[in-house]
Amino acid sequence: MRDIEQKIREVNGTMAMEGMPLTEADKENMRAVLRGDVSYQEMKKRILADYQPRKDMDYERE
């Protein structure tokens, strides 16, 4: 667990230098992948799904 937290701190430090510190959700997602609870590919799908337009919504087109 210590290695996981160290990796998260390192990534957070790097991201913070760029003005984009990790959110708690980001950290939890990293922990899940690093522990092996979920694959990188599955986590990537989950994250990208949050940013995809919902298929069940009608969007007004201009």
C-alpha atoms as a PDB file:
ATOM      1  CA  MET A   1       0.000   0.000   0.000  1.00  0.00           C
ATOM      2  CA  ARG A   2       2.871   2.341   0.717  1.00  0.00           C
ATOM      3  CA  ASP A   3       4.152   2.060  -2.865  1.00  0.00           C
ATOM      4  CA  ILE A   4       0.699   2.905  -4.187  1.00  0.00           C
ATOM      5  CA  GLU A   5       0.428   6.024  -2.047  1.00  0.00           C
ATOM      6  CA  GLN A   6       3.954   7.069  -3.043  1.00  0.00           C
ATOM      7  CA  LYS A   7       3.063   6.754  -6.739  1.00  0.00           C
ATOM      8  CA  ILE A   8      -0.090   8.792  -6.199  1.00  0.00           C
ATOM      9  CA  ARG A   9       1.876  11.502  -4.370  1.00  0.00           C
ATOM     10  CA  GLU A  10       4.417  11.649  -7.193  1.00  0.00           C
ATOM     11  CA  VAL A  11       1.745  11.942  -9.887  1.00  0.00           C
ATOM     12  CA  ASN A  12      -0.166  14.496  -7.821  1.00  0.00           C
ATOM     13  CA  GLY A  13       2.992  16.573  -7.369  1.00  0.00           C
ATOM     14  CA  THR A  14       3.680  16.565 -11.090  1.00  0.00           C
ATOM     15  CA  MET A  15       0.094  17.427 -11.947  1.00  0.00           C
ATOM     16  CA  ALA A  16      -0.006  20.167  -9.295  1.00  0.00           C
ATOM     17  CA  MET A  17       3.053  21.805 -10.873  1.00  0.00           C
ATOM     18  CA  GLU A  18       0.979  22.089 -14.048  1.00  0.00           C
ATOM     19  CA  GLY A  19      -1.948  23.548 -12.111  1.00  0.00           C
ATOM     20  CA  MET A  20      -4.018  20.351 -12.274  1.00  0.00           C
ATOM     21  CA  PRO A  21      -3.808  18.530  -8.923  1.00  0.00           C
ATOM     22  CA  LEU A  22      -5.562  15.174  -8.665  1.00  0.00           C
ATOM     23  CA  THR A  23      -9.065  15.051  -7.260  1.00  0.00           C
ATOM     24  CA  GLU A  24     -10.009  12.491  -4.631  1.00  0.00           C
ATOM     25  CA  ALA A  25     -11.876  10.596  -7.372  1.00  0.00           C
ATOM     26  CA  ASP A  26      -8.685  10.553  -9.474  1.00  0.00           C
ATOM     27  CA  LYS A  27      -6.750   9.150  -6.523  1.00  0.00           C
ATOM     28  CA  GLU A  28      -9.381   6.469  -5.856  1.00  0.00           C
ATOM     29  CA  ASN A  29      -9.335   5.464  -9.523  1.00  0.00           C
ATOM     30  CA  MET A  30      -5.539   5.185  -9.406  1.00  0.00           C
ATOM     31  CA  ARG A  31      -5.711   3.072  -6.241  1.00  0.00           C
ATOM     32  CA  ALA A  32      -8.218   0.697  -7.841  1.00  0.00           C
ATOM     33  CA  VAL A  33      -5.991   0.194 -10.895  1.00  0.00           C
ATOM     34  CA  LEU A  34      -2.751  -0.111  -8.918  1.00  0.00           C
ATOM     35  CA  ARG A  35      -4.321  -2.653  -6.511  1.00  0.00           C
ATOM     36  CA  GLY A  36      -5.522  -4.684  -9.479  1.00  0.00           C
ATOM     37  CA  ASP A  37      -9.208  -4.252  -8.641  1.00  0.00           C
ATOM     38  CA  VAL A  38      -9.858  -3.048 -12.189  1.00  0.00           C
ATOM     39  CA  SER A  39      -7.742  -3.035 -15.336  1.00  0.00           C
ATOM     40  CA  TYR A  40      -6.339   0.131 -16.831  1.00  0.00           C
ATOM     41  CA  GLN A  41      -8.454  -0.443 -19.950  1.00  0.00           C
ATOM     42  CA  GLU A  42     -11.671  -0.819 -17.918  1.00  0.00           C
ATOM     43  CA  MET A  43     -10.940   2.324 -15.896  1.00  0.00           C
ATOM     44  CA  LYS A  44     -10.202   4.215 -19.102  1.00  0.00           C
ATOM     45  CA  LYS A  45     -13.603   3.124 -20.484  1.00  0.00           C
ATOM     46  CA  ARG A  46     -15.357   4.251 -17.302  1.00  0.00           C
ATOM     47  CA  ILE A  47     -13.691   7.657 -17.311  1.00  0.00           C
ATOM     48  CA  LEU A  48     -14.284   8.274 -21.013  1.00  0.00           C
ATOM     49  CA  ALA A  49     -17.932   7.231 -20.643  1.00  0.00           C
ATOM     50  CA  ASP A  50     -18.421  10.175 -18.275  1.00  0.00           C
ATOM     51  CA  TYR A  51     -17.502  12.536 -21.113  1.00  0.00           C
ATOM     52  CA  GLN A  52     -19.487  10.910 -23.927  1.00  0.00           C
ATOM     53  CA  PRO A  53     -22.869  12.313 -24.920  1.00  0.00           C
ATOM     54  CA  ARG A  54     -25.715  10.182 -23.655  1.00  0.00           C
ATOM     55  CA  LYS A  55     -27.348   8.193 -26.424  1.00  0.00           C
ATOM     56  CA  ASP A  56     -30.807   8.388 -24.874  1.00  0.00           C
ATOM     57  CA  MET A  57     -30.973  12.171 -25.055  1.00  0.00           C
ATOM     58  CA  ASP A  58     -32.218  14.151 -28.012  1.00  0.00           C
ATOM     59  CA  TYR A  59     -29.839  16.974 -28.738  1.00  0.00           C
ATOM     60  CA  GLU A  60     -31.090  20.020 -30.513  1.00  0.00           C
ATOM     61  CA  ARG A  61     -29.127  20.507 -33.707  1.00  0.00           C
ATOM     62  CA  GLU A  62     -28.522  23.891 -35.214  1.00  0.00           C
END
